[in-house]
């Protein structure tokens, strides 16, 4: 069952976009954790298999690497789609993100950028 947003005001849409943006930022923290798990898993796996650690640490490293990779892929796809959704919400609210970015480029033209 989809939520009917046809009667939402501009303020409602902007508020929803803000809430979703906050959620995306929280998910990006978990995404960084996933990237860290990939790196840590690689290091532990390398140490376990090639650098004097036991094979158990090598297996543990591979498991951590795989968990981190799956976590990272799922979160990256999810946050990418969520950003597209926020852009669509703001388009429906009449907010042009590209025009807002061009206003900030004025400082570059004045030699302050």
PDB file of N, CA and C in Angstrom:
ATOM      1  N   UNK A   1       0.842  -1.165   0.000  1.00  0.00           N
ATOM      2  CA  UNK A   1       0.000   0.000   0.000  1.00  0.00           C
ATOM      3  C   UNK A   1       0.891   1.234   0.000  1.00  0.00           C
ATOM      4  N   UNK A   2       0.751   2.049  -1.014  1.00  0.00           N
ATOM      5  CA  UNK A   2       1.553   3.263  -1.138  1.00  0.00           C
ATOM      6  C   UNK A   2       0.875   4.414  -0.411  1.00  0.00           C
ATOM      7  N   UNK A   3       1.689   5.305   0.078  1.00  0.00           N
ATOM      8  CA  UNK A   3       1.199   6.484   0.770  1.00  0.00           C
ATOM      9  C   UNK A   3       0.751   7.511  -0.263  1.00  0.00           C
ATOM     10  N   UNK A   4      -0.447   8.043  -0.105  1.00  0.00           N
ATOM     11  CA  UNK A   4      -0.973   9.040  -1.038  1.00  0.00           C
ATOM     12  C   UNK A   4      -0.426  10.411  -0.656  1.00  0.00           C
ATOM     13  N   UNK A   5       0.454  10.928  -1.485  1.00  0.00           N
ATOM     14  CA  UNK A   5       1.068  12.229  -1.211  1.00  0.00           C
ATOM     15  C   UNK A   5       0.527  13.321  -2.122  1.00  0.00           C
ATOM     16  N   UNK A   6      -0.538  13.035  -2.847  1.00  0.00           N
ATOM     17  CA  UNK A   6      -1.052  14.007  -3.815  1.00  0.00           C
ATOM     18  C   UNK A   6      -1.591  15.267  -3.153  1.00  0.00           C
ATOM     19  N   UNK A   7      -2.028  15.183  -1.910  1.00  0.00           N
ATOM     20  CA  UNK A   7      -2.573  16.348  -1.219  1.00  0.00           C
ATOM     21  C   UNK A   7      -1.562  17.018  -0.292  1.00  0.00           C
ATOM     22  N   UNK A   8      -0.303  16.607  -0.354  1.00  0.00           N
ATOM     23  CA  UNK A   8       0.707  17.190   0.516  1.00  0.00           C
ATOM     24  C   UNK A   8       1.071  18.590   0.034  1.00  0.00           C
ATOM     25  N   UNK A   9       1.310  19.482   0.974  1.00  0.00           N
ATOM     26  CA  UNK A   9       1.732  20.837   0.632  1.00  0.00           C
ATOM     27  C   UNK A   9       3.236  20.842   0.340  1.00  0.00           C
ATOM     28  N   UNK A  10       3.704  21.967  -0.160  1.00  0.00           N
ATOM     29  CA  UNK A  10       5.133  22.119  -0.438  1.00  0.00           C
ATOM     30  C   UNK A  10       5.941  21.924   0.847  1.00  0.00           C
ATOM     31  N   UNK A  11       5.452  22.470   1.949  1.00  0.00           N
ATOM     32  CA  UNK A  11       6.153  22.341   3.227  1.00  0.00           C
ATOM     33  C   UNK A  11       6.226  20.885   3.676  1.00  0.00           C
ATOM     34  N   UNK A  12       5.138  20.132   3.445  1.00  0.00           N
ATOM     35  CA  UNK A  12       5.132  18.707   3.796  1.00  0.00           C
ATOM     36  C   UNK A  12       6.186  17.951   2.992  1.00  0.00           C
ATOM     37  N   UNK A  13       6.271  18.257   1.696  1.00  0.00           N
ATOM     38  CA  UNK A  13       7.238  17.572   0.841  1.00  0.00           C
ATOM     39  C   UNK A  13       8.672  17.916   1.245  1.00  0.00           C
ATOM     40  N   UNK A  14       8.915  19.181   1.545  1.00  0.00           N
ATOM     41  CA  UNK A  14      10.263  19.583   1.963  1.00  0.00           C
ATOM     42  C   UNK A  14      10.619  18.933   3.300  1.00  0.00           C
ATOM     43  N   UNK A  15       9.657  18.856   4.221  1.00  0.00           N
ATOM     44  CA  UNK A  15       9.898  18.207   5.513  1.00  0.00           C
ATOM     45  C   UNK A  15      10.217  16.725   5.309  1.00  0.00           C
ATOM     46  N   UNK A  16       9.479  16.059   4.434  1.00  0.00           N
ATOM     47  CA  UNK A  16       9.737  14.646   4.148  1.00  0.00           C
ATOM     48  C   UNK A  16      11.123  14.463   3.536  1.00  0.00           C
ATOM     49  N   UNK A  17      11.504  15.348   2.630  1.00  0.00           N
ATOM     50  CA  UNK A  17      12.839  15.271   2.028  1.00  0.00           C
ATOM     51  C   UNK A  17      13.916  15.450   3.093  1.00  0.00           C
ATOM     52  N   UNK A  18      13.691  16.347   4.040  1.00  0.00           N
ATOM     53  CA  UNK A  18      14.651  16.571   5.127  1.00  0.00           C
ATOM     54  C   UNK A  18      14.775  15.321   5.996  1.00  0.00           C
ATOM     55  N   UNK A  19      13.642  14.713   6.325  1.00  0.00           N
ATOM     56  CA  UNK A  19      13.673  13.492   7.140  1.00  0.00           C
ATOM     57  C   UNK A  19      14.415  12.370   6.415  1.00  0.00           C
ATOM     58  N   UNK A  20      14.157  12.233   5.116  1.00  0.00           N
ATOM     59  CA  UNK A  20      14.840  11.187   4.358  1.00  0.00           C
ATOM     60  C   UNK A  20      16.328  11.485   4.220  1.00  0.00           C
ATOM     61  N   UNK A  21      16.684  12.758   4.075  1.00  0.00           N
ATOM     62  CA  UNK A  21      18.096  13.127   4.002  1.00  0.00           C
ATOM     63  C   UNK A  21      18.805  12.790   5.310  1.00  0.00           C
ATOM     64  N   UNK A  22      18.151  13.052   6.433  1.00  0.00           N
ATOM     65  CA  UNK A  22      18.732  12.688   7.730  1.00  0.00           C
ATOM     66  C   UNK A  22      18.930  11.178   7.838  1.00  0.00           C
ATOM     67  N   UNK A  23      17.962  10.409   7.355  1.00  0.00           N
ATOM     68  CA  UNK A  23      18.081   8.947   7.383  1.00  0.00           C
ATOM     69  C   UNK A  23      19.226   8.477   6.484  1.00  0.00           C
ATOM     70  N   UNK A  24      19.386   9.107   5.328  1.00  0.00           N
ATOM     71  CA  UNK A  24      20.484   8.757   4.422  1.00  0.00           C
ATOM     72  C   UNK A  24      21.823   9.017   5.100  1.00  0.00           C
ATOM     73  N   UNK A  25      21.928  10.124   5.814  1.00  0.00           N
ATOM     74  CA  UNK A  25      23.177  10.429   6.505  1.00  0.00           C
ATOM     75  C   UNK A  25      23.487   9.386   7.577  1.00  0.00           C
ATOM     76  N   UNK A  26      22.462   8.919   8.274  1.00  0.00           N
ATOM     77  CA  UNK A  26      22.689   7.863   9.268  1.00  0.00           C
ATOM     78  C   UNK A  26      23.110   6.563   8.587  1.00  0.00           C
ATOM     79  N   UNK A  27      22.515   6.253   7.443  1.00  0.00           N
ATOM     80  CA  UNK A  27      22.907   5.045   6.716  1.00  0.00           C
ATOM     81  C   UNK A  27      24.333   5.153   6.188  1.00  0.00           C
ATOM     82  N   UNK A  28      24.766   6.358   5.843  1.00  0.00           N
ATOM     83  CA  UNK A  28      26.136   6.537   5.366  1.00  0.00           C
ATOM     84  C   UNK A  28      27.159   6.242   6.455  1.00  0.00           C
ATOM     85  N   UNK A  29      26.794   6.419   7.721  1.00  0.00           N
ATOM     86  CA  UNK A  29      27.682   6.022   8.819  1.00  0.00           C
ATOM     87  C   UNK A  29      27.881   4.507   8.779  1.00  0.00           C
ATOM     88  N   UNK A  30      26.805   3.773   8.589  1.00  0.00           N
ATOM     89  CA  UNK A  30      26.891   2.314   8.492  1.00  0.00           C
ATOM     90  C   UNK A  30      27.652   1.900   7.237  1.00  0.00           C
ATOM     91  N   UNK A  31      27.526   2.672   6.168  1.00  0.00           N
ATOM     92  CA  UNK A  31      28.269   2.382   4.944  1.00  0.00           C
ATOM     93  C   UNK A  31      29.774   2.495   5.202  1.00  0.00           C
ATOM     94  N   UNK A  32      30.180   3.528   5.910  1.00  0.00           N
ATOM     95  CA  UNK A  32      31.601   3.659   6.257  1.00  0.00           C
ATOM     96  C   UNK A  32      32.064   2.499   7.136  1.00  0.00           C
ATOM     97  N   UNK A  33      31.196   2.034   8.028  1.00  0.00           N
ATOM     98  CA  UNK A  33      31.528   0.867   8.842  1.00  0.00           C
ATOM     99  C   UNK A  33      31.731  -0.359   7.947  1.00  0.00           C
ATOM    100  N   UNK A  34      30.882  -0.515   6.938  1.00  0.00           N
ATOM    101  CA  UNK A  34      31.038  -1.622   6.002  1.00  0.00           C
ATOM    102  C   UNK A  34      32.363  -1.559   5.264  1.00  0.00           C
ATOM    103  N   UNK A  35      32.744  -0.349   4.816  1.00  0.00           N
ATOM    104  CA  UNK A  35      34.044  -0.181   4.160  1.00  0.00           C
ATOM    105  C   UNK A  35      35.181  -0.540   5.120  1.00  0.00           C
ATOM    106  N   UNK A  36      35.037  -0.162   6.374  1.00  0.00           N
ATOM    107  CA  UNK A  36      36.064  -0.478   7.370  1.00  0.00           C
ATOM    108  C   UNK A  36      36.165  -1.980   7.596  1.00  0.00           C
ATOM    109  N   UNK A  37      35.020  -2.664   7.588  1.00  0.00           N
ATOM    110  CA  UNK A  37      35.038  -4.125   7.736  1.00  0.00           C
ATOM    111  C   UNK A  37      35.754  -4.785   6.565  1.00  0.00           C
ATOM    112  N   UNK A  38      35.563  -4.256   5.364  1.00  0.00           N
ATOM    113  CA  UNK A  38      36.263  -4.804   4.197  1.00  0.00           C
ATOM    114  C   UNK A  38      37.771  -4.666   4.392  1.00  0.00           C
ATOM    115  N   UNK A  39      38.208  -3.485   4.795  1.00  0.00           N
ATOM    116  CA  UNK A  39      39.646  -3.259   4.986  1.00  0.00           C
ATOM    117  C   UNK A  39      40.200  -4.123   6.120  1.00  0.00           C
ATOM    118  N   UNK A  40      39.491  -4.161   7.245  1.00  0.00           N
ATOM    119  CA  UNK A  40      39.959  -4.961   8.379  1.00  0.00           C
ATOM    120  C   UNK A  40      39.961  -6.447   8.025  1.00  0.00           C
ATOM    121  N   UNK A  41      38.940  -6.897   7.326  1.00  0.00           N
ATOM    122  CA  UNK A  41      38.890  -8.298   6.917  1.00  0.00           C
ATOM    123  C   UNK A  41      40.041  -8.665   6.004  1.00  0.00           C
ATOM    124  N   UNK A  42      40.373  -7.757   5.090  1.00  0.00           N
ATOM    125  CA  UNK A  42      41.505  -8.011   4.200  1.00  0.00           C
ATOM    126  C   UNK A  42      42.806  -8.122   4.996  1.00  0.00           C
ATOM    127  N   UNK A  43      43.003  -7.185   5.915  1.00  0.00           N
ATOM    128  CA  UNK A  43      44.244  -7.197   6.696  1.00  0.00           C
ATOM    129  C   UNK A  43      44.352  -8.441   7.574  1.00  0.00           C
ATOM    130  N   UNK A  44      43.274  -8.794   8.251  1.00  0.00           N
ATOM    131  CA  UNK A  44      43.291  -9.988   9.109  1.00  0.00           C
ATOM    132  C   UNK A  44      43.460 -11.246   8.259  1.00  0.00           C
ATOM    133  N   UNK A  45      42.779 -11.303   7.122  1.00  0.00           N
ATOM    134  CA  UNK A  45      42.917 -12.456   6.238  1.00  0.00           C
ATOM    135  C   UNK A  45      44.322 -12.598   5.691  1.00  0.00           C
ATOM    136  N   UNK A  46      44.902 -11.489   5.273  1.00  0.00           N
ATOM    137  CA  UNK A  46      46.277 -11.526   4.767  1.00  0.00           C
ATOM    138  C   UNK A  46      47.239 -11.980   5.858  1.00  0.00           C
ATOM    139  N   UNK A  47      47.065 -11.415   7.052  1.00  0.00           N
ATOM    140  CA  UNK A  47      47.928 -11.804   8.166  1.00  0.00           C
ATOM    141  C   UNK A  47      47.755 -13.289   8.484  1.00  0.00           C
ATOM    142  N   UNK A  48      46.509 -13.761   8.483  1.00  0.00           N
ATOM    143  CA  UNK A  48      46.255 -15.155   8.828  1.00  0.00           C
ATOM    144  C   UNK A  48      46.795 -16.139   7.813  1.00  0.00           C
ATOM    145  N   UNK A  49      46.706 -15.807   6.530  1.00  0.00           N
ATOM    146  CA  UNK A  49      47.131 -16.758   5.506  1.00  0.00           C
ATOM    147  C   UNK A  49      48.599 -16.612   5.115  1.00  0.00           C
ATOM    148  N   UNK A  50      49.141 -15.400   5.140  1.00  0.00           N
ATOM    149  CA  UNK A  50      50.468 -15.189   4.558  1.00  0.00           C
ATOM    150  C   UNK A  50      51.520 -14.660   5.520  1.00  0.00           C
ATOM    151  N   UNK A  51      51.126 -14.101   6.648  1.00  0.00           N
ATOM    152  CA  UNK A  51      52.109 -13.368   7.430  1.00  0.00           C
ATOM    153  C   UNK A  51      52.285 -13.924   8.840  1.00  0.00           C
ATOM    154  N   UNK A  52      52.160 -15.201   9.012  1.00  0.00           N
ATOM    155  CA  UNK A  52      52.481 -15.805  10.291  1.00  0.00           C
ATOM    156  C   UNK A  52      51.316 -16.043  11.226  1.00  0.00           C
ATOM    157  N   UNK A  53      50.141 -15.581  10.897  1.00  0.00           N
ATOM    158  CA  UNK A  53      48.978 -15.867  11.726  1.00  0.00           C
ATOM    159  C   UNK A  53      48.456 -17.258  11.410  1.00  0.00           C
ATOM    160  N   UNK A  54      47.534 -17.714  12.204  1.00  0.00           N
ATOM    161  CA  UNK A  54      46.982 -19.042  11.949  1.00  0.00           C
ATOM    162  C   UNK A  54      45.931 -18.972  10.842  1.00  0.00           C
ATOM    163  N   UNK A  55      45.615 -20.134  10.297  1.00  0.00           N
ATOM    164  CA  UNK A  55      44.611 -20.215   9.240  1.00  0.00           C
ATOM    165  C   UNK A  55      43.247 -19.768   9.743  1.00  0.00           C
ATOM    166  N   UNK A  56      42.990 -19.954  11.027  1.00  0.00           N
ATOM    167  CA  UNK A  56      41.721 -19.511  11.610  1.00  0.00           C
ATOM    168  C   UNK A  56      41.529 -18.009  11.456  1.00  0.00           C
ATOM    169  N   UNK A  57      42.615 -17.250  11.656  1.00  0.00           N
ATOM    170  CA  UNK A  57      42.515 -15.805  11.458  1.00  0.00           C
ATOM    171  C   UNK A  57      42.305 -15.466   9.984  1.00  0.00           C
ATOM    172  N   UNK A  58      42.898 -16.260   9.116  1.00  0.00           N
ATOM    173  CA  UNK A  58      42.681 -16.049   7.681  1.00  0.00           C
ATOM    174  C   UNK A  58      41.228 -16.245   7.303  1.00  0.00           C
ATOM    175  N   UNK A  59      40.628 -17.311   7.828  1.00  0.00           N
ATOM    176  CA  UNK A  59      39.210 -17.576   7.557  1.00  0.00           C
ATOM    177  C   UNK A  59      38.341 -16.478   8.163  1.00  0.00           C
ATOM    178  N   UNK A  60      38.658 -16.075   9.387  1.00  0.00           N
ATOM    179  CA  UNK A  60      37.913 -14.992  10.030  1.00  0.00           C
ATOM    180  C   UNK A  60      37.997 -13.714   9.195  1.00  0.00           C
ATOM    181  N   UNK A  61      39.184 -13.423   8.683  1.00  0.00           N
ATOM    182  CA  UNK A  61      39.357 -12.234   7.852  1.00  0.00           C
ATOM    183  C   UNK A  61      38.513 -12.282   6.598  1.00  0.00           C
ATOM    184  N   UNK A  62      38.458 -13.439   5.961  1.00  0.00           N
ATOM    185  CA  UNK A  62      37.640 -13.578   4.753  1.00  0.00           C
ATOM    186  C   UNK A  62      36.166 -13.401   5.086  1.00  0.00           C
ATOM    187  N   UNK A  63      35.720 -13.962   6.195  1.00  0.00           N
ATOM    188  CA  UNK A  63      34.314 -13.824   6.600  1.00  0.00           C
ATOM    189  C   UNK A  63      33.982 -12.357   6.866  1.00  0.00           C
ATOM    190  N   UNK A  64      34.858 -11.667   7.596  1.00  0.00           N
ATOM    191  CA  UNK A  64      34.626 -10.250   7.889  1.00  0.00           C
ATOM    192  C   UNK A  64      34.616  -9.442   6.594  1.00  0.00           C
ATOM    193  N   UNK A  65      35.529  -9.757   5.683  1.00  0.00           N
ATOM    194  CA  UNK A  65      35.580  -9.066   4.399  1.00  0.00           C
ATOM    195  C   UNK A  65      34.288  -9.260   3.617  1.00  0.00           C
ATOM    196  N   UNK A  66      33.796 -10.476   3.558  1.00  0.00           N
ATOM    197  CA  UNK A  66      32.567 -10.757   2.807  1.00  0.00           C
ATOM    198  C   UNK A  66      31.369 -10.058   3.444  1.00  0.00           C
ATOM    199  N   UNK A  67      31.267 -10.111   4.769  1.00  0.00           N
ATOM    200  CA  UNK A  67      30.161  -9.428   5.455  1.00  0.00           C
ATOM    201  C   UNK A  67      30.218  -7.928   5.177  1.00  0.00           C
ATOM    202  N   UNK A  68      31.409  -7.348   5.270  1.00  0.00           N
ATOM    203  CA  UNK A  68      31.562  -5.921   4.999  1.00  0.00           C
ATOM    204  C   UNK A  68      31.237  -5.568   3.563  1.00  0.00           C
ATOM    205  N   UNK A  69      31.629  -6.432   2.619  1.00  0.00           N
ATOM    206  CA  UNK A  69      31.352  -6.163   1.209  1.00  0.00           C
ATOM    207  C   UNK A  69      29.856  -6.215   0.919  1.00  0.00           C
ATOM    208  N   UNK A  70      29.172  -7.229   1.440  1.00  0.00           N
ATOM    209  CA  UNK A  70      27.724  -7.336   1.228  1.00  0.00           C
ATOM    210  C   UNK A  70      27.011  -6.145   1.860  1.00  0.00           C
ATOM    211  N   UNK A  71      27.412  -5.818   3.077  1.00  0.00           N
ATOM    212  CA  UNK A  71      26.822  -4.673   3.776  1.00  0.00           C
ATOM    213  C   UNK A  71      27.037  -3.386   2.977  1.00  0.00           C
ATOM    214  N   UNK A  72      28.232  -3.200   2.454  1.00  0.00           N
ATOM    215  CA  UNK A  72      28.548  -1.996   1.694  1.00  0.00           C
ATOM    216  C   UNK A  72      27.743  -1.908   0.406  1.00  0.00           C
ATOM    217  N   UNK A  73      27.621  -3.009  -0.298  1.00  0.00           N
ATOM    218  CA  UNK A  73      26.871  -3.000  -1.558  1.00  0.00           C
ATOM    219  C   UNK A  73      25.405  -2.690  -1.308  1.00  0.00           C
ATOM    220  N   UNK A  74      24.819  -3.352  -0.320  1.00  0.00           N
ATOM    221  CA  UNK A  74      23.398  -3.126  -0.023  1.00  0.00           C
ATOM    222  C   UNK A  74      23.157  -1.673   0.375  1.00  0.00           C
ATOM    223  N   UNK A  75      23.996  -1.148   1.250  1.00  0.00           N
ATOM    224  CA  UNK A  75      23.807   0.229   1.701  1.00  0.00           C
ATOM    225  C   UNK A  75      24.095   1.239   0.599  1.00  0.00           C
ATOM    226  N   UNK A  76      25.078   0.974  -0.246  1.00  0.00           N
ATOM    227  CA  UNK A  76      25.390   1.904  -1.340  1.00  0.00           C
ATOM    228  C   UNK A  76      24.237   1.971  -2.329  1.00  0.00           C
ATOM    229  N   UNK A  77      23.689   0.821  -2.701  1.00  0.00           N
ATOM    230  CA  UNK A  77      22.540   0.809  -3.617  1.00  0.00           C
ATOM    231  C   UNK A  77      21.348   1.500  -2.966  1.00  0.00           C
ATOM    232  N   UNK A  78      21.111   1.207  -1.701  1.00  0.00           N
ATOM    233  CA  UNK A  78      19.982   1.814  -0.998  1.00  0.00           C
ATOM    234  C   UNK A  78      20.099   3.315  -0.876  1.00  0.00           C
ATOM    235  N   UNK A  79      21.276   3.815  -0.502  1.00  0.00           N
ATOM    236  CA  UNK A  79      21.428   5.262  -0.348  1.00  0.00           C
ATOM    237  C   UNK A  79      21.421   5.974  -1.693  1.00  0.00           C
ATOM    238  N   UNK A  80      21.927   5.329  -2.735  1.00  0.00           N
ATOM    239  CA  UNK A  80      21.873   5.938  -4.067  1.00  0.00           C
ATOM    240  C   UNK A  80      20.428   6.092  -4.522  1.00  0.00           C
ATOM    241  N   UNK A  81      19.626   5.052  -4.338  1.00  0.00           N
ATOM    242  CA  UNK A  81      18.210   5.143  -4.701  1.00  0.00           C
ATOM    243  C   UNK A  81      17.469   6.136  -3.812  1.00  0.00           C
ATOM    244  N   UNK A  82      17.840   6.204  -2.545  1.00  0.00           N
ATOM    245  CA  UNK A  82      17.195   7.147  -1.632  1.00  0.00           C
ATOM    246  C   UNK A  82      17.496   8.587  -2.031  1.00  0.00           C
ATOM    247  N   UNK A  83      18.717   8.853  -2.484  1.00  0.00           N
ATOM    248  CA  UNK A  83      19.059  10.205  -2.943  1.00  0.00           C
ATOM    249  C   UNK A  83      18.237  10.582  -4.175  1.00  0.00           C
ATOM    250  N   UNK A  84      18.024   9.622  -5.067  1.00  0.00           N
ATOM    251  CA  UNK A  84      17.163   9.885  -6.230  1.00  0.00           C
ATOM    252  C   UNK A  84      15.740  10.184  -5.775  1.00  0.00           C
ATOM    253  N   UNK A  85      15.274   9.481  -4.762  1.00  0.00           N
ATOM    254  CA  UNK A  85      13.931   9.698  -4.233  1.00  0.00           C
ATOM    255  C   UNK A  85      13.803  11.091  -3.622  1.00  0.00           C
ATOM    256  N   UNK A  86      14.812  11.523  -2.882  1.00  0.00           N
ATOM    257  CA  UNK A  86      14.783  12.864  -2.288  1.00  0.00           C
ATOM    258  C   UNK A  86      14.757  13.917  -3.386  1.00  0.00           C
ATOM    259  N   UNK A  87      15.545  13.710  -4.428  1.00  0.00           N
ATOM    260  CA  UNK A  87      15.549  14.657  -5.547  1.00  0.00           C
ATOM    261  C   UNK A  87      14.166  14.717  -6.197  1.00  0.00           C
ATOM    262  N   UNK A  88      13.500  13.563  -6.345  1.00  0.00           N
ATOM    263  CA  UNK A  88      12.151  13.545  -6.929  1.00  0.00           C
ATOM    264  C   UNK A  88      11.149  14.249  -6.019  1.00  0.00           C
ATOM    265  N   UNK A  89      11.282  14.062  -4.718  1.00  0.00           N
ATOM    266  CA  UNK A  89      10.387  14.743  -3.771  1.00  0.00           C
ATOM    267  C   UNK A  89      10.563  16.255  -3.880  1.00  0.00           C
ATOM    268  N   UNK A  90      11.819  16.696  -3.935  1.00  0.00           N
ATOM    269  CA  UNK A  90      12.069  18.130  -4.026  1.00  0.00           C
ATOM    270  C   UNK A  90      11.628  18.694  -5.373  1.00  0.00           C
ATOM    271  N   UNK A  91      11.736  17.893  -6.442  1.00  0.00           N
ATOM    272  CA  UNK A  91      11.194  18.325  -7.738  1.00  0.00           C
ATOM    273  C   UNK A  91       9.689  18.527  -7.647  1.00  0.00           C
ATOM    274  N   UNK A  92       9.011  17.596  -6.971  1.00  0.00           N
ATOM    275  CA  UNK A  92       7.559  17.714  -6.805  1.00  0.00           C
ATOM    276  C   UNK A  92       7.196  18.936  -5.967  1.00  0.00           C
ATOM    277  N   UNK A  93       8.104  19.339  -5.077  1.00  0.00           N
ATOM    278  CA  UNK A  93       7.863  20.516  -4.238  1.00  0.00           C
ATOM    279  C   UNK A  93       8.252  21.805  -4.951  1.00  0.00           C
ATOM    280  N   UNK A  94       8.845  21.673  -6.127  1.00  0.00           N
ATOM    281  CA  UNK A  94       9.243  22.859  -6.875  1.00  0.00           C
ATOM    282  C   UNK A  94      10.592  23.418  -6.466  1.00  0.00           C
ATOM    283  N   UNK A  95      11.423  22.604  -5.819  1.00  0.00           N
ATOM    284  CA  UNK A  95      12.759  23.035  -5.408  1.00  0.00           C
ATOM    285  C   UNK A  95      13.747  22.542  -6.453  1.00  0.00           C
ATOM    286  N   UNK A  96      14.508  23.470  -7.039  1.00  0.00           N
ATOM    287  CA  UNK A  96      15.497  23.121  -8.052  1.00  0.00           C
ATOM    288  C   UNK A  96      16.876  23.095  -7.399  1.00  0.00           C
ATOM    289  N   UNK A  97      17.385  21.902  -7.137  1.00  0.00           N
ATOM    290  CA  UNK A  97      18.676  21.773  -6.466  1.00  0.00           C
ATOM    291  C   UNK A  97      19.818  22.282  -7.329  1.00  0.00           C
ATOM    292  N   UNK A  98      19.706  22.133  -8.638  1.00  0.00           N
ATOM    293  CA  UNK A  98      20.766  22.597  -9.522  1.00  0.00           C
ATOM    294  C   UNK A  98      20.868  24.117  -9.496  1.00  0.00           C
ATOM    295  N   UNK A  99      19.750  24.805  -9.455  1.00  0.00           N
ATOM    296  CA  UNK A  99      19.765  26.271  -9.399  1.00  0.00           C
ATOM    297  C   UNK A  99      20.336  26.744  -8.073  1.00  0.00           C
ATOM    298  N   UNK A 100      20.057  26.025  -6.999  1.00  0.00           N
ATOM    299  CA  UNK A 100      20.587  26.405  -5.683  1.00  0.00           C
ATOM    300  C   UNK A 100      22.099  26.264  -5.666  1.00  0.00           C
ATOM    301  N   UNK A 101      22.629  25.261  -6.349  1.00  0.00           N
ATOM    302  CA  UNK A 101      24.076  25.084  -6.410  1.00  0.00           C
ATOM    303  C   UNK A 101      24.756  26.176  -7.213  1.00  0.00           C
ATOM    304  N   UNK A 102      24.073  26.709  -8.221  1.00  0.00           N
ATOM    305  CA  UNK A 102      24.652  27.761  -9.052  1.00  0.00           C
ATOM    306  C   UNK A 102      24.774  29.067  -8.288  1.00  0.00           C
ATOM    307  N   UNK A 103      23.915  29.298  -7.318  1.00  0.00           N
ATOM    308  CA  UNK A 103      24.021  30.516  -6.512  1.00  0.00           C
ATOM    309  C   UNK A 103      25.336  30.536  -5.749  1.00  0.00           C
ATOM    310  N   UNK A 104      25.780  29.371  -5.298  1.00  0.00           N
ATOM    311  CA  UNK A 104      27.023  29.292  -4.545  1.00  0.00           C
ATOM    312  C   UNK A 104      28.250  29.513  -5.404  1.00  0.00           C
ATOM    313  N   UNK A 105      28.113  29.373  -6.722  1.00  0.00           N
ATOM    314  CA  UNK A 105      29.261  29.557  -7.595  1.00  0.00           C
ATOM    315  C   UNK A 105      29.577  31.029  -7.803  1.00  0.00           C
ATOM    316  N   UNK A 106      28.747  31.923  -7.294  1.00  0.00           N
ATOM    317  CA  UNK A 106      28.982  33.359  -7.410  1.00  0.00           C
ATOM    318  C   UNK A 106      30.286  33.743  -6.709  1.00  0.00           C
ATOM    319  N   UNK A 107      30.602  33.091  -5.600  1.00  0.00           N
ATOM    320  CA  UNK A 107      31.842  33.393  -4.880  1.00  0.00           C
ATOM    321  C   UNK A 107      33.063  33.053  -5.729  1.00  0.00           C
ATOM    322  N   UNK A 108      32.960  32.014  -6.545  1.00  0.00           N
ATOM    323  CA  UNK A 108      34.067  31.657  -7.418  1.00  0.00           C
ATOM    324  C   UNK A 108      34.295  32.739  -8.463  1.00  0.00           C
ATOM    325  N   UNK A 109      33.217  33.300  -9.006  1.00  0.00           N
ATOM    326  CA  UNK A 109      33.338  34.347 -10.016  1.00  0.00           C
ATOM    327  C   UNK A 109      33.964  35.610  -9.433  1.00  0.00           C
ATOM    328  N   UNK A 110      33.752  35.858  -8.159  1.00  0.00           N
ATOM    329  CA  UNK A 110      34.303  37.037  -7.512  1.00  0.00           C
ATOM    330  C   UNK A 110      35.720  36.803  -6.996  1.00  0.00           C
ATOM    331  N   UNK A 111      36.291  35.653  -7.297  1.00  0.00           N
ATOM    332  CA  UNK A 111      37.657  35.368  -6.890  1.00  0.00           C
ATOM    333  C   UNK A 111      37.794  34.867  -5.466  1.00  0.00           C
ATOM    334  N   UNK A 112      36.698  34.472  -4.856  1.00  0.00           N
ATOM    335  CA  UNK A 112      36.759  33.972  -3.477  1.00  0.00           C
ATOM    336  C   UNK A 112      36.644  32.460  -3.416  1.00  0.00           C
ATOM    337  N   UNK A 113      36.600  31.776  -4.537  1.00  0.00           N
ATOM    338  CA  UNK A 113      36.358  30.347  -4.534  1.00  0.00           C
ATOM    339  C   UNK A 113      37.507  29.534  -4.691  1.00  0.00           C
TER     340      UNK A 113
END
